[in-house]
Amino acid sequence: MAYAARAPGKLILSGEHSVVYGAPALVAAIARYTTVHFTPLHRSKSIRTIFKGLPKAPPYPLHALHKLKQTLDEHFEQFSRGQREVQHILNRPDDLLIYTLATFAQHIPLPGRTSSKHLPMPGRLRSESELPLGAGMGSSASAIAASIRLYEHLLDKPLTISERFERVRFCERLQHGKGSAIDAAAVTYGGLQYLEDATPQPLAASLNSNGHWYWILHGYPEASTGEVVAHVRRKHGNDQPLWQQFAACSDTLRQQLLTNASPADCLNENQHLLEHIGIVPETAKALITTINHHGGSAKISGAGAHRGNGGGIILAWHPEPNTIPELLTNHTLPWGELHLAEQGATLIT
């Protein structure tokens, strides 16, 4: 019998980068999902992985999970001491979900264990995702959250939702280094979340009441989120007045959403600040300027990029329903309407 769980992706409305420096942030869970399946293979002694978008890799021996976790924890400590680049914490792309499993194995007696050792059951772990990888829609956090929800069921050890949130954050640090709680909040709780001091609070607002929201994939960034965050830290990490401007922007947008007011000015100001910290490629600026000239607003949503032409995700807004779809008919960029996911990680089988 196969088991499956899924978790939504995310779009940051305001607060990317600044949340790392203590500013509040707004994030939306979007109804595009990563689904993780597990099929037990009782004659095996390993976990095989088949992840969409990633090359096929050798299986993980069950007896080596503890060692894998220990090695990746050491890599993270080396990163924290400045001895390792963030993109070299993980050895291979599917390490992240196996690490997530290994964290369970460390704390919980597991079924399928041998007579002398606590091991998870062997099987095949497979994922599929509607989220572009490495583009700013929370694909890593979504996969982690779905995996955690799945392991909770397989091991009959349910977590509270706040415990699940903290575990997603813990595992995600291997992908992003010194990241934030934004992604973990969206994929765990769902809906609209306002984060302050790394604590998510649901925001009782509707995006459908004040215009039309879209996401546009403006190419894949050459740099990982961790690299971009590190770049911004080197350039602007000590500029507290700058982060206070970001904070004011997020607070204003929160009020605008709660009162169904136009978010146009706030989104434009947010984009101006993101350009200032150098994470908006010129081609992304050109598209955003075009949207502005047609009465809309847009901004980078996510880490962006400090090199290359791909900017990741652009969040766009317009008071009229047809303007942005008509503008995008002249482009080949993937895009879609922003539909909220009301729930976070959920078991589906």
C-alpha atoms as a PDB file:
ATOM      1  CA  MET A   1       0.000   0.000   0.000  1.00  0.00           C
ATOM      2  CA  ALA A   2       1.303   3.477  -0.878  1.00  0.00           C
ATOM      3  CA  TYR A   3       0.893   6.506   1.366  1.00  0.00           C
ATOM      4  CA  ALA A   4       0.989  10.177   0.369  1.00  0.00           C
ATOM      5  CA  ALA A   5       0.912  13.683   1.794  1.00  0.00           C
ATOM      6  CA  ARG A   6       1.089  17.074   0.173  1.00  0.00           C
ATOM      7  CA  ALA A   7       1.950  20.648   1.105  1.00  0.00           C
ATOM      8  CA  PRO A   8       1.346  23.952  -0.696  1.00  0.00           C
ATOM      9  CA  GLY A   9       3.933  26.336  -2.070  1.00  0.00           C
ATOM     10  CA  LYS A  10       4.287  29.974  -1.080  1.00  0.00           C
ATOM     11  CA  LEU A  11       4.504  33.493  -2.439  1.00  0.00           C
ATOM     12  CA  ILE A  12       6.044  36.246  -0.332  1.00  0.00           C
ATOM     13  CA  LEU A  13       3.924  39.392  -0.447  1.00  0.00           C
ATOM     14  CA  SER A  14       6.408  41.459   1.566  1.00  0.00           C
ATOM     15  CA  GLY A  15       9.441  40.956   3.787  1.00  0.00           C
ATOM     16  CA  GLU A  16      11.854  38.743   1.833  1.00  0.00           C
ATOM     17  CA  HIS A  17      15.402  39.423   3.051  1.00  0.00           C
ATOM     18  CA  SER A  18      14.281  41.950   5.687  1.00  0.00           C
ATOM     19  CA  VAL A  19      12.710  39.186   7.809  1.00  0.00           C
ATOM     20  CA  VAL A  20      16.240  37.866   8.377  1.00  0.00           C
ATOM     21  CA  TYR A  21      16.958  41.162  10.206  1.00  0.00           C
ATOM     22  CA  GLY A  22      13.891  41.062  12.428  1.00  0.00           C
ATOM     23  CA  ALA A  23      11.353  42.828  10.213  1.00  0.00           C
ATOM     24  CA  PRO A  24       7.821  41.424   9.836  1.00  0.00           C
ATOM     25  CA  ALA A  25       6.758  39.625   6.670  1.00  0.00           C
ATOM     26  CA  LEU A  26       3.608  38.618   4.801  1.00  0.00           C
ATOM     27  CA  VAL A  27       3.339  35.304   2.974  1.00  0.00           C
ATOM     28  CA  ALA A  28       0.572  33.472   1.112  1.00  0.00           C
ATOM     29  CA  ALA A  29       0.263  29.700   0.806  1.00  0.00           C
ATOM     30  CA  ILE A  30      -0.671  28.981  -2.798  1.00  0.00           C
ATOM     31  CA  ALA A  31      -2.744  26.133  -4.185  1.00  0.00           C
ATOM     32  CA  ARG A  32       0.136  24.504  -6.039  1.00  0.00           C
ATOM     33  CA  TYR A  33       1.521  21.474  -4.276  1.00  0.00           C
ATOM     34  CA  THR A  34       4.373  19.084  -3.701  1.00  0.00           C
ATOM     35  CA  THR A  35       3.145  15.531  -3.092  1.00  0.00           C
ATOM     36  CA  VAL A  36       5.358  12.915  -1.461  1.00  0.00           C
ATOM     37  CA  HIS A  37       4.517   9.195  -1.729  1.00  0.00           C
ATOM     38  CA  PHE A  38       5.970   6.269   0.223  1.00  0.00           C
ATOM     39  CA  THR A  39       5.674   2.636  -0.840  1.00  0.00           C
ATOM     40  CA  PRO A  40       7.078  -0.009   1.550  1.00  0.00           C
ATOM     41  CA  LEU A  41       9.522  -2.482  -0.011  1.00  0.00           C
ATOM     42  CA  HIS A  42       9.892  -5.208   2.582  1.00  0.00           C
ATOM     43  CA  ARG A  43      12.651  -7.165   0.826  1.00  0.00           C
ATOM     44  CA  SER A  44      14.876  -4.123   0.588  1.00  0.00           C
ATOM     45  CA  LYS A  45      17.278  -2.668   3.115  1.00  0.00           C
ATOM     46  CA  SER A  46      17.287   0.838   1.753  1.00  0.00           C
ATOM     47  CA  ILE A  47      15.248   3.933   0.876  1.00  0.00           C
ATOM     48  CA  ARG A  48      15.031   4.536  -2.858  1.00  0.00           C
ATOM     49  CA  THR A  49      14.174   8.036  -4.061  1.00  0.00           C
ATOM     50  CA  ILE A  50      12.444   9.147  -7.241  1.00  0.00           C
ATOM     51  CA  PHE A  51      11.991  12.916  -7.188  1.00  0.00           C
ATOM     52  CA  LYS A  52      10.570  14.792 -10.150  1.00  0.00           C
ATOM     53  CA  GLY A  53      13.105  17.116 -11.686  1.00  0.00           C
ATOM     54  CA  LEU A  54      16.082  15.417 -10.027  1.00  0.00           C
ATOM     55  CA  PRO A  55      18.364  12.773 -11.554  1.00  0.00           C
ATOM     56  CA  LYS A  56      18.018   9.187 -10.364  1.00  0.00           C
ATOM     57  CA  ALA A  57      20.426   8.537  -7.506  1.00  0.00           C
ATOM     58  CA  PRO A  58      21.722   5.470  -5.605  1.00  0.00           C
ATOM     59  CA  PRO A  59      19.506   4.232  -2.706  1.00  0.00           C
ATOM     60  CA  TYR A  60      20.193   5.226   0.888  1.00  0.00           C
ATOM     61  CA  PRO A  61      21.056   2.198   3.094  1.00  0.00           C
ATOM     62  CA  LEU A  62      18.863   2.232   6.200  1.00  0.00           C
ATOM     63  CA  HIS A  63      21.804   1.637   8.486  1.00  0.00           C
ATOM     64  CA  ALA A  64      23.490   4.817   7.170  1.00  0.00           C
ATOM     65  CA  LEU A  65      20.700   7.299   8.022  1.00  0.00           C
ATOM     66  CA  HIS A  66      22.203   8.254  11.371  1.00  0.00           C
ATOM     67  CA  LYS A  67      25.587   8.839   9.758  1.00  0.00           C
ATOM     68  CA  LEU A  68      23.987  10.940   7.007  1.00  0.00           C
ATOM     69  CA  LYS A  69      22.293  13.178   9.570  1.00  0.00           C
ATOM     70  CA  GLN A  70      25.509  13.513  11.534  1.00  0.00           C
ATOM     71  CA  THR A  71      27.452  14.466   8.390  1.00  0.00           C
ATOM     72  CA  LEU A  72      24.935  17.086   7.246  1.00  0.00           C
ATOM     73  CA  ASP A  73      24.730  18.569  10.744  1.00  0.00           C
ATOM     74  CA  GLU A  74      28.521  18.906  10.678  1.00  0.00           C
ATOM     75  CA  HIS A  75      28.317  20.582   7.266  1.00  0.00           C
ATOM     76  CA  PHE A  76      25.850  23.107   8.672  1.00  0.00           C
ATOM     77  CA  GLU A  77      28.093  23.825  11.646  1.00  0.00           C
ATOM     78  CA  GLN A  78      30.985  24.405   9.229  1.00  0.00           C
ATOM     79  CA  PHE A  79      28.749  26.804   7.278  1.00  0.00           C
ATOM     80  CA  SER A  80      27.861  28.623  10.515  1.00  0.00           C
ATOM     81  CA  ARG A  81      31.576  29.083  11.222  1.00  0.00           C
ATOM     82  CA  GLY A  82      32.207  30.419   7.711  1.00  0.00           C
ATOM     83  CA  GLN A  83      34.126  27.294   6.670  1.00  0.00           C
ATOM     84  CA  ARG A  84      31.680  26.004   4.035  1.00  0.00           C
ATOM     85  CA  GLU A  85      29.517  27.659   1.380  1.00  0.00           C
ATOM     86  CA  VAL A  86      25.770  27.233   1.825  1.00  0.00           C
ATOM     87  CA  GLN A  87      25.427  25.463  -1.532  1.00  0.00           C
ATOM     88  CA  HIS A  88      27.789  22.771  -0.274  1.00  0.00           C
ATOM     89  CA  ILE A  89      25.893  21.776   2.875  1.00  0.00           C
ATOM     90  CA  LEU A  90      23.928  19.080   1.023  1.00  0.00           C
ATOM     91  CA  ASN A  91      25.807  16.381  -0.877  1.00  0.00           C
ATOM     92  CA  ARG A  92      22.988  15.585  -3.318  1.00  0.00           C
ATOM     93  CA  PRO A  93      19.540  17.103  -3.962  1.00  0.00           C
ATOM     94  CA  ASP A  94      17.498  14.322  -2.344  1.00  0.00           C
ATOM     95  CA  ASP A  95      19.550  14.541   0.877  1.00  0.00           C
ATOM     96  CA  LEU A  96      17.043  17.034   2.261  1.00  0.00           C
ATOM     97  CA  LEU A  97      14.082  14.641   2.459  1.00  0.00           C
ATOM     98  CA  ILE A  98      16.204  11.737   3.700  1.00  0.00           C
ATOM     99  CA  TYR A  99      17.624  14.060   6.374  1.00  0.00           C
ATOM    100  CA  THR A 100      14.023  14.875   7.344  1.00  0.00           C
ATOM    101  CA  LEU A 101      13.366  11.165   7.794  1.00  0.00           C
ATOM    102  CA  ALA A 102      16.607  10.744   9.719  1.00  0.00           C
ATOM    103  CA  THR A 103      15.564  13.421  12.225  1.00  0.00           C
ATOM    104  CA  PHE A 104      12.528  11.288  13.028  1.00  0.00           C
ATOM    105  CA  ALA A 105      14.692   8.190  13.315  1.00  0.00           C
ATOM    106  CA  GLN A 106      16.831   9.991  15.889  1.00  0.00           C
ATOM    107  CA  HIS A 107      13.978  10.780  18.254  1.00  0.00           C
ATOM    108  CA  ILE A 108      11.307   8.136  17.720  1.00  0.00           C
ATOM    109  CA  PRO A 109      11.297   4.338  17.971  1.00  0.00           C
ATOM    110  CA  LEU A 110      10.304   3.285  14.469  1.00  0.00           C
ATOM    111  CA  PRO A 111       8.340   0.397  12.962  1.00  0.00           C
ATOM    112  CA  GLY A 112      10.176  -2.044  10.727  1.00  0.00           C
ATOM    113  CA  ARG A 113      13.147  -2.006  13.060  1.00  0.00           C
ATOM    114  CA  THR A 114      15.570  -4.861  13.310  1.00  0.00           C
ATOM    115  CA  SER A 115      15.914  -6.781  16.534  1.00  0.00           C
ATOM    116  CA  SER A 116      18.773  -4.627  17.732  1.00  0.00           C
ATOM    117  CA  LYS A 117      18.488  -1.280  15.973  1.00  0.00           C
ATOM    118  CA  HIS A 118      15.777   1.287  15.478  1.00  0.00           C
ATOM    119  CA  LEU A 119      15.440   1.775  11.734  1.00  0.00           C
ATOM    120  CA  PRO A 120      12.631   3.086   9.502  1.00  0.00           C
ATOM    121  CA  MET A 121      10.984   0.659   7.129  1.00  0.00           C
ATOM    122  CA  PRO A 122      12.585   0.228   3.705  1.00  0.00           C
ATOM    123  CA  GLY A 123      10.718   1.592   0.745  1.00  0.00           C
ATOM    124  CA  ARG A 124      10.491   3.933  -2.189  1.00  0.00           C
ATOM    125  CA  LEU A 125      10.091   7.665  -1.573  1.00  0.00           C
ATOM    126  CA  ARG A 126       8.711   9.496  -4.582  1.00  0.00           C
ATOM    127  CA  SER A 127       7.776  13.144  -5.049  1.00  0.00           C
ATOM    128  CA  GLU A 128       6.064  15.200  -7.690  1.00  0.00           C
ATOM    129  CA  SER A 129       5.582  18.942  -7.619  1.00  0.00           C
ATOM    130  CA  GLU A 130       3.633  21.702  -9.313  1.00  0.00           C
ATOM    131  CA  LEU A 131       6.242  24.142  -8.009  1.00  0.00           C
ATOM    132  CA  PRO A 132       9.309  25.171 -10.005  1.00  0.00           C
ATOM    133  CA  LEU A 133      12.478  24.122  -8.184  1.00  0.00           C
ATOM    134  CA  GLY A 134      14.689  26.907  -6.882  1.00  0.00           C
ATOM    135  CA  ALA A 135      12.539  29.757  -8.148  1.00  0.00           C
ATOM    136  CA  GLY A 136      11.112  31.265  -4.953  1.00  0.00           C
ATOM    137  CA  MET A 137       7.839  29.350  -4.555  1.00  0.00           C
ATOM    138  CA  GLY A 138       8.951  27.322  -1.538  1.00  0.00           C
ATOM    139  CA  SER A 139       9.571  23.991  -3.272  1.00  0.00           C
ATOM    140  CA  SER A 140      12.071  22.798  -0.635  1.00  0.00           C
ATOM    141  CA  ALA A 141       9.911  23.701   2.364  1.00  0.00           C
ATOM    142  CA  SER A 142       6.857  22.231   0.657  1.00  0.00           C
ATOM    143  CA  ALA A 143       8.636  18.902   0.113  1.00  0.00           C
ATOM    144  CA  ILE A 144       9.902  18.860   3.709  1.00  0.00           C
ATOM    145  CA  ALA A 145       6.457  19.625   5.157  1.00  0.00           C
ATOM    146  CA  ALA A 146       4.770  16.936   3.047  1.00  0.00           C
ATOM    147  CA  SER A 147       7.444  14.432   4.078  1.00  0.00           C
ATOM    148  CA  ILE A 148       7.056  15.246   7.756  1.00  0.00           C
ATOM    149  CA  ARG A 149       3.276  14.886   7.565  1.00  0.00           C
ATOM    150  CA  LEU A 150       3.768  11.543   5.795  1.00  0.00           C
ATOM    151  CA  TYR A 151       6.302  10.259   8.352  1.00  0.00           C
ATOM    152  CA  GLU A 152       4.001  11.274  11.200  1.00  0.00           C
ATOM    153  CA  HIS A 153       1.353   8.959   9.759  1.00  0.00           C
ATOM    154  CA  LEU A 154       3.695   6.102   8.895  1.00  0.00           C
ATOM    155  CA  LEU A 155       5.179   6.128  12.382  1.00  0.00           C
ATOM    156  CA  ASP A 156       1.896   6.855  14.165  1.00  0.00           C
ATOM    157  CA  LYS A 157       3.570   9.761  15.938  1.00  0.00           C
ATOM    158  CA  PRO A 158       1.530  12.886  15.149  1.00  0.00           C
ATOM    159  CA  LEU A 159       3.065  16.279  15.865  1.00  0.00           C
ATOM    160  CA  THR A 160       1.205  19.394  16.878  1.00  0.00           C
ATOM    161  CA  ILE A 161       1.107  21.963  14.105  1.00  0.00           C
ATOM    162  CA  SER A 162       3.580  24.180  15.964  1.00  0.00           C
ATOM    163  CA  GLU A 163       5.966  21.206  16.353  1.00  0.00           C
ATOM    164  CA  ARG A 164       5.618  20.529  12.615  1.00  0.00           C
ATOM    165  CA  PHE A 165       6.386  24.199  11.864  1.00  0.00           C
ATOM    166  CA  GLU A 166       9.558  24.080  13.959  1.00  0.00           C
ATOM    167  CA  ARG A 167      10.674  20.818  12.373  1.00  0.00           C
ATOM    168  CA  VAL A 168      10.239  22.237   8.858  1.00  0.00           C
ATOM    169  CA  ARG A 169      12.368  25.227   9.882  1.00  0.00           C
ATOM    170  CA  PHE A 170      15.023  22.971  11.377  1.00  0.00           C
ATOM    171  CA  CYS A 171      15.372  20.793   8.294  1.00  0.00           C
ATOM    172  CA  GLU A 172      15.116  23.691   5.823  1.00  0.00           C
ATOM    173  CA  ARG A 173      18.192  25.370   7.303  1.00  0.00           C
ATOM    174  CA  LEU A 174      20.321  22.911   5.319  1.00  0.00           C
ATOM    175  CA  GLN A 175      18.938  24.375   2.075  1.00  0.00           C
ATOM    176  CA  HIS A 176      18.997  28.082   2.876  1.00  0.00           C
ATOM    177  CA  GLY A 177      21.554  28.464   5.653  1.00  0.00           C
ATOM    178  CA  LYS A 178      20.491  31.358   7.897  1.00  0.00           C
ATOM    179  CA  GLY A 179      17.013  31.616   6.446  1.00  0.00           C
ATOM    180  CA  SER A 180      13.708  32.721   7.928  1.00  0.00           C
ATOM    181  CA  ALA A 181      10.433  31.189   9.066  1.00  0.00           C
ATOM    182  CA  ILE A 182       8.499  32.458   6.032  1.00  0.00           C
ATOM    183  CA  ASP A 183       8.456  29.285   3.971  1.00  0.00           C
ATOM    184  CA  ALA A 184       7.826  27.047   6.971  1.00  0.00           C
ATOM    185  CA  ALA A 185       4.832  29.187   8.024  1.00  0.00           C
ATOM    186  CA  ALA A 186       3.146  29.018   4.620  1.00  0.00           C
ATOM    187  CA  VAL A 187       3.621  25.309   3.966  1.00  0.00           C
ATOM    188  CA  THR A 188       2.670  24.307   7.528  1.00  0.00           C
ATOM    189  CA  TYR A 189      -0.276  26.568   8.338  1.00  0.00           C
ATOM    190  CA  GLY A 190      -1.624  27.549   4.894  1.00  0.00           C
ATOM    191  CA  GLY A 191      -3.641  30.724   4.164  1.00  0.00           C
ATOM    192  CA  LEU A 192      -2.212  34.199   4.665  1.00  0.00           C
ATOM    193  CA  GLN A 193       0.350  34.524   7.425  1.00  0.00           C
ATOM    194  CA  TYR A 194       1.884  37.594   9.060  1.00  0.00           C
ATOM    195  CA  LEU A 195       5.214  36.848  10.719  1.00  0.00           C
ATOM    196  CA  GLU A 196       6.661  38.901  13.515  1.00  0.00           C
ATOM    197  CA  ASP A 197       9.649  37.742  15.583  1.00  0.00           C
ATOM    198  CA  ALA A 198       9.532  34.478  13.584  1.00  0.00           C
ATOM    199  CA  THR A 199       6.035  33.773  14.924  1.00  0.00           C
ATOM    200  CA  PRO A 200       3.271  33.280  12.319  1.00  0.00           C
ATOM    201  CA  GLN A 201      -0.177  34.738  12.851  1.00  0.00           C
ATOM    202  CA  PRO A 202      -3.073  34.088  10.444  1.00  0.00           C
ATOM    203  CA  LEU A 203      -4.206  37.219   8.632  1.00  0.00           C
ATOM    204  CA  ALA A 204      -7.977  37.410   8.230  1.00  0.00           C
ATOM    205  CA  ALA A 205      -7.929  39.082   4.827  1.00  0.00           C
ATOM    206  CA  SER A 206      -9.018  38.091   1.340  1.00  0.00           C
ATOM    207  CA  LEU A 207      -6.805  38.728  -1.664  1.00  0.00           C
ATOM    208  CA  ASN A 208      -9.867  38.567  -3.913  1.00  0.00           C
ATOM    209  CA  SER A 209     -11.390  41.704  -2.420  1.00  0.00           C
ATOM    210  CA  ASN A 210      -8.887  44.249  -3.634  1.00  0.00           C
ATOM    211  CA  GLY A 211      -7.912  43.355  -7.190  1.00  0.00           C
ATOM    212  CA  HIS A 212      -6.281  40.480  -9.030  1.00  0.00           C
ATOM    213  CA  TRP A 213      -2.999  38.809  -8.089  1.00  0.00           C
ATOM    214  CA  TYR A 214      -0.664  36.776 -10.281  1.00  0.00           C
ATOM    215  CA  TRP A 215       2.682  34.999 -10.172  1.00  0.00           C
ATOM    216  CA  ILE A 216       5.098  35.090 -13.094  1.00  0.00           C
ATOM    217  CA  LEU A 217       8.181  32.871 -13.355  1.00  0.00           C
ATOM    218  CA  HIS A 218      10.832  35.220 -14.684  1.00  0.00           C
ATOM    219  CA  GLY A 219      13.535  32.593 -15.271  1.00  0.00           C
ATOM    220  CA  TYR A 220      15.479  30.476 -12.810  1.00  0.00           C
ATOM    221  CA  PRO A 221      18.046  32.374 -10.701  1.00  0.00           C
ATOM    222  CA  GLU A 222      21.651  31.349 -11.201  1.00  0.00           C
ATOM    223  CA  ALA A 223      22.292  31.679  -7.454  1.00  0.00           C
ATOM    224  CA  SER A 224      20.596  29.684  -4.694  1.00  0.00           C
ATOM    225  CA  THR A 225      18.512  31.403  -2.018  1.00  0.00           C
ATOM    226  CA  GLY A 226      21.317  30.872   0.479  1.00  0.00           C
ATOM    227  CA  GLU A 227      23.850  32.522  -1.833  1.00  0.00           C
ATOM    228  CA  VAL A 228      21.619  35.547  -2.440  1.00  0.00           C
ATOM    229  CA  VAL A 229      20.881  35.952   1.282  1.00  0.00           C
ATOM    230  CA  ALA A 230      24.624  35.794   2.011  1.00  0.00           C
ATOM    231  CA  HIS A 231      25.332  38.373  -0.719  1.00  0.00           C
ATOM    232  CA  VAL A 232      22.765  40.800   0.718  1.00  0.00           C
ATOM    233  CA  ARG A 233      24.161  40.287   4.206  1.00  0.00           C
ATOM    234  CA  ARG A 234      27.649  41.241   3.045  1.00  0.00           C
ATOM    235  CA  LYS A 235      26.378  44.404   1.316  1.00  0.00           C
ATOM    236  CA  HIS A 236      23.585  45.610   3.602  1.00  0.00           C
ATOM    237  CA  GLY A 237      23.520  43.480   6.731  1.00  0.00           C
ATOM    238  CA  ASN A 238      24.268  46.387   9.070  1.00  0.00           C
ATOM    239  CA  ASP A 239      21.983  48.950   7.433  1.00  0.00           C
ATOM    240  CA  GLN A 240      19.251  49.064  10.095  1.00  0.00           C
ATOM    241  CA  PRO A 241      17.436  52.114   8.628  1.00  0.00           C
ATOM    242  CA  LEU A 242      17.038  50.158   5.387  1.00  0.00           C
ATOM    243  CA  TRP A 243      15.466  47.176   7.175  1.00  0.00           C
ATOM    244  CA  GLN A 244      13.169  49.552   9.049  1.00  0.00           C
ATOM    245  CA  GLN A 245      11.904  50.819   5.685  1.00  0.00           C
ATOM    246  CA  PHE A 246      11.156  47.229   4.676  1.00  0.00           C
ATOM    247  CA  ALA A 247       9.374  46.701   8.002  1.00  0.00           C
ATOM    248  CA  ALA A 248       7.201  49.773   7.477  1.00  0.00           C
ATOM    249  CA  CYS A 249       6.320  48.498   4.017  1.00  0.00           C
ATOM    250  CA  SER A 250       5.147  45.125   5.353  1.00  0.00           C
ATOM    251  CA  ASP A 251       3.090  46.778   8.097  1.00  0.00           C
ATOM    252  CA  THR A 252       1.427  49.080   5.574  1.00  0.00           C
ATOM    253  CA  LEU A 253       0.589  46.223   3.227  1.00  0.00           C
ATOM    254  CA  ARG A 254      -0.926  44.283   6.139  1.00  0.00           C
ATOM    255  CA  GLN A 255      -3.253  47.202   6.873  1.00  0.00           C
ATOM    256  CA  GLN A 256      -4.146  47.582   3.201  1.00  0.00           C
ATOM    257  CA  LEU A 257      -5.111  43.922   2.928  1.00  0.00           C
ATOM    258  CA  LEU A 258      -7.205  44.097   6.103  1.00  0.00           C
ATOM    259  CA  THR A 259      -9.092  47.154   4.812  1.00  0.00           C
ATOM    260  CA  ASN A 260      -9.359  46.009   1.162  1.00  0.00           C
ATOM    261  CA  ALA A 261      -7.375  49.074   0.074  1.00  0.00           C
ATOM    262  CA  SER A 262      -5.226  49.180  -3.060  1.00  0.00           C
ATOM    263  CA  PRO A 263      -1.766  47.701  -2.413  1.00  0.00           C
ATOM    264  CA  ALA A 264      -0.252  49.439  -5.466  1.00  0.00           C
ATOM    265  CA  ASP A 265       1.899  52.070  -3.735  1.00  0.00           C
ATOM    266  CA  CYS A 266       3.161  49.605  -1.163  1.00  0.00           C
ATOM    267  CA  LEU A 267       4.133  46.997  -3.779  1.00  0.00           C
ATOM    268  CA  ASN A 268       5.945  49.682  -5.777  1.00  0.00           C
ATOM    269  CA  GLU A 269       7.853  50.843  -2.703  1.00  0.00           C
ATOM    270  CA  ASN A 270       8.753  47.254  -1.852  1.00  0.00           C
ATOM    271  CA  GLN A 271      10.094  46.704  -5.366  1.00  0.00           C
ATOM    272  CA  HIS A 272      12.138  49.925  -5.101  1.00  0.00           C
ATOM    273  CA  LEU A 273      13.765  48.637  -1.890  1.00  0.00           C
ATOM    274  CA  LEU A 274      14.490  45.243  -3.459  1.00  0.00           C
ATOM    275  CA  GLU A 275      16.181  46.956  -6.405  1.00  0.00           C
ATOM    276  CA  HIS A 276      18.261  48.943  -3.903  1.00  0.00           C
ATOM    277  CA  ILE A 277      19.683  45.770  -2.350  1.00  0.00           C
ATOM    278  CA  GLY A 278      20.624  44.500  -5.808  1.00  0.00           C
ATOM    279  CA  ILE A 279      18.566  41.343  -6.253  1.00  0.00           C
ATOM    280  CA  VAL A 280      16.431  42.348  -9.272  1.00  0.00           C
ATOM    281  CA  PRO A 281      17.911  41.507 -12.721  1.00  0.00           C
ATOM    282  CA  GLU A 282      17.546  44.173 -15.401  1.00  0.00           C
ATOM    283  CA  THR A 283      15.172  42.059 -17.501  1.00  0.00           C
ATOM    284  CA  ALA A 284      12.887  41.615 -14.485  1.00  0.00           C
ATOM    285  CA  LYS A 285      12.937  45.380 -13.907  1.00  0.00           C
ATOM    286  CA  ALA A 286      11.859  45.877 -17.533  1.00  0.00           C
ATOM    287  CA  LEU A 287       8.850  43.561 -17.173  1.00  0.00           C
ATOM    288  CA  ILE A 288       7.834  45.191 -13.884  1.00  0.00           C
ATOM    289  CA  THR A 289       8.102  48.641 -15.497  1.00  0.00           C
ATOM    290  CA  THR A 290       5.812  47.470 -18.297  1.00  0.00           C
ATOM    291  CA  ILE A 291       3.245  46.284 -15.752  1.00  0.00           C
ATOM    292  CA  ASN A 292       3.505  49.656 -13.984  1.00  0.00           C
ATOM    293  CA  HIS A 293       2.886  51.517 -17.258  1.00  0.00           C
ATOM    294  CA  HIS A 294      -0.334  49.534 -17.703  1.00  0.00           C
ATOM    295  CA  GLY A 295      -1.712  50.513 -14.303  1.00  0.00           C
ATOM    296  CA  GLY A 296      -0.507  47.533 -12.287  1.00  0.00           C
ATOM    297  CA  SER A 297       2.157  46.883  -9.658  1.00  0.00           C
ATOM    298  CA  ALA A 298       4.704  44.121  -9.351  1.00  0.00           C
ATOM    299  CA  LYS A 299       7.725  43.071  -7.320  1.00  0.00           C
ATOM    300  CA  ILE A 300      10.195  40.251  -6.960  1.00  0.00           C
ATOM    301  CA  SER A 301       8.787  37.604  -4.602  1.00  0.00           C
ATOM    302  CA  GLY A 302      11.516  35.579  -2.954  1.00  0.00           C
ATOM    303  CA  ALA A 303      15.268  35.869  -2.843  1.00  0.00           C
ATOM    304  CA  GLY A 304      15.656  37.182  -6.394  1.00  0.00           C
ATOM    305  CA  ALA A 305      19.155  37.042  -7.864  1.00  0.00           C
ATOM    306  CA  HIS A 306      22.301  39.154  -7.687  1.00  0.00           C
ATOM    307  CA  ARG A 307      23.705  37.732 -10.918  1.00  0.00           C
ATOM    308  CA  GLY A 308      22.319  36.404 -14.198  1.00  0.00           C
ATOM    309  CA  ASN A 309      19.064  37.235 -15.972  1.00  0.00           C
ATOM    310  CA  GLY A 310      16.614  34.961 -14.134  1.00  0.00           C
ATOM    311  CA  GLY A 311      14.842  36.704 -11.272  1.00  0.00           C
ATOM    312  CA  GLY A 312      12.686  33.865 -10.021  1.00  0.00           C
ATOM    313  CA  ILE A 313       9.090  34.740  -9.181  1.00  0.00           C
ATOM    314  CA  ILE A 314       7.467  38.118  -9.812  1.00  0.00           C
ATOM    315  CA  LEU A 315       4.300  38.909  -7.844  1.00  0.00           C
ATOM    316  CA  ALA A 316       1.941  41.112  -9.864  1.00  0.00           C
ATOM    317  CA  TRP A 317      -1.292  42.917  -9.017  1.00  0.00           C
ATOM    318  CA  HIS A 318      -3.821  44.845 -11.085  1.00  0.00           C
ATOM    319  CA  PRO A 319      -7.260  46.279 -10.285  1.00  0.00           C
ATOM    320  CA  GLU A 320      -8.689  44.919 -13.547  1.00  0.00           C
ATOM    321  CA  PRO A 321      -8.943  41.195 -14.336  1.00  0.00           C
ATOM    322  CA  ASN A 322      -7.726  41.117 -17.943  1.00  0.00           C
ATOM    323  CA  THR A 323      -4.813  43.557 -18.172  1.00  0.00           C
ATOM    324  CA  ILE A 324      -1.958  41.382 -16.915  1.00  0.00           C
ATOM    325  CA  PRO A 325      -3.132  38.205 -18.722  1.00  0.00           C
ATOM    326  CA  GLU A 326      -3.262  40.231 -21.956  1.00  0.00           C
ATOM    327  CA  LEU A 327       0.213  41.666 -21.317  1.00  0.00           C
ATOM    328  CA  LEU A 328       1.621  38.191 -20.780  1.00  0.00           C
ATOM    329  CA  THR A 329       0.304  36.865 -24.082  1.00  0.00           C
ATOM    330  CA  ASN A 330       3.353  38.581 -25.609  1.00  0.00           C
ATOM    331  CA  HIS A 331       5.706  36.576 -23.374  1.00  0.00           C
ATOM    332  CA  THR A 332       6.562  32.897 -23.057  1.00  0.00           C
ATOM    333  CA  LEU A 333       6.945  33.109 -19.285  1.00  0.00           C
ATOM    334  CA  PRO A 334       4.964  30.638 -17.138  1.00  0.00           C
ATOM    335  CA  TRP A 335       2.388  32.464 -15.016  1.00  0.00           C
ATOM    336  CA  GLY A 336      -0.843  31.914 -13.138  1.00  0.00           C
ATOM    337  CA  GLU A 337      -3.423  33.523 -10.881  1.00  0.00           C
ATOM    338  CA  LEU A 338      -2.678  33.480  -7.172  1.00  0.00           C
ATOM    339  CA  HIS A 339      -5.097  31.062  -5.509  1.00  0.00           C
ATOM    340  CA  LEU A 340      -4.728  30.689  -1.763  1.00  0.00           C
ATOM    341  CA  ALA A 341      -4.296  27.255  -0.183  1.00  0.00           C
ATOM    342  CA  GLU A 342      -6.341  27.415   3.007  1.00  0.00           C
ATOM    343  CA  GLN A 343      -4.576  24.383   4.542  1.00  0.00           C
ATOM    344  CA  GLY A 344      -0.931  23.572   5.024  1.00  0.00           C
ATOM    345  CA  ALA A 345       0.641  20.099   4.877  1.00  0.00           C
ATOM    346  CA  THR A 346      -2.049  17.414   4.696  1.00  0.00           C
ATOM    347  CA  LEU A 347      -2.217  13.634   4.520  1.00  0.00           C
ATOM    348  CA  ILE A 348      -4.072  12.602   1.357  1.00  0.00           C
ATOM    349  CA  THR A 349      -3.878   8.780   1.436  1.00  0.00           C
END
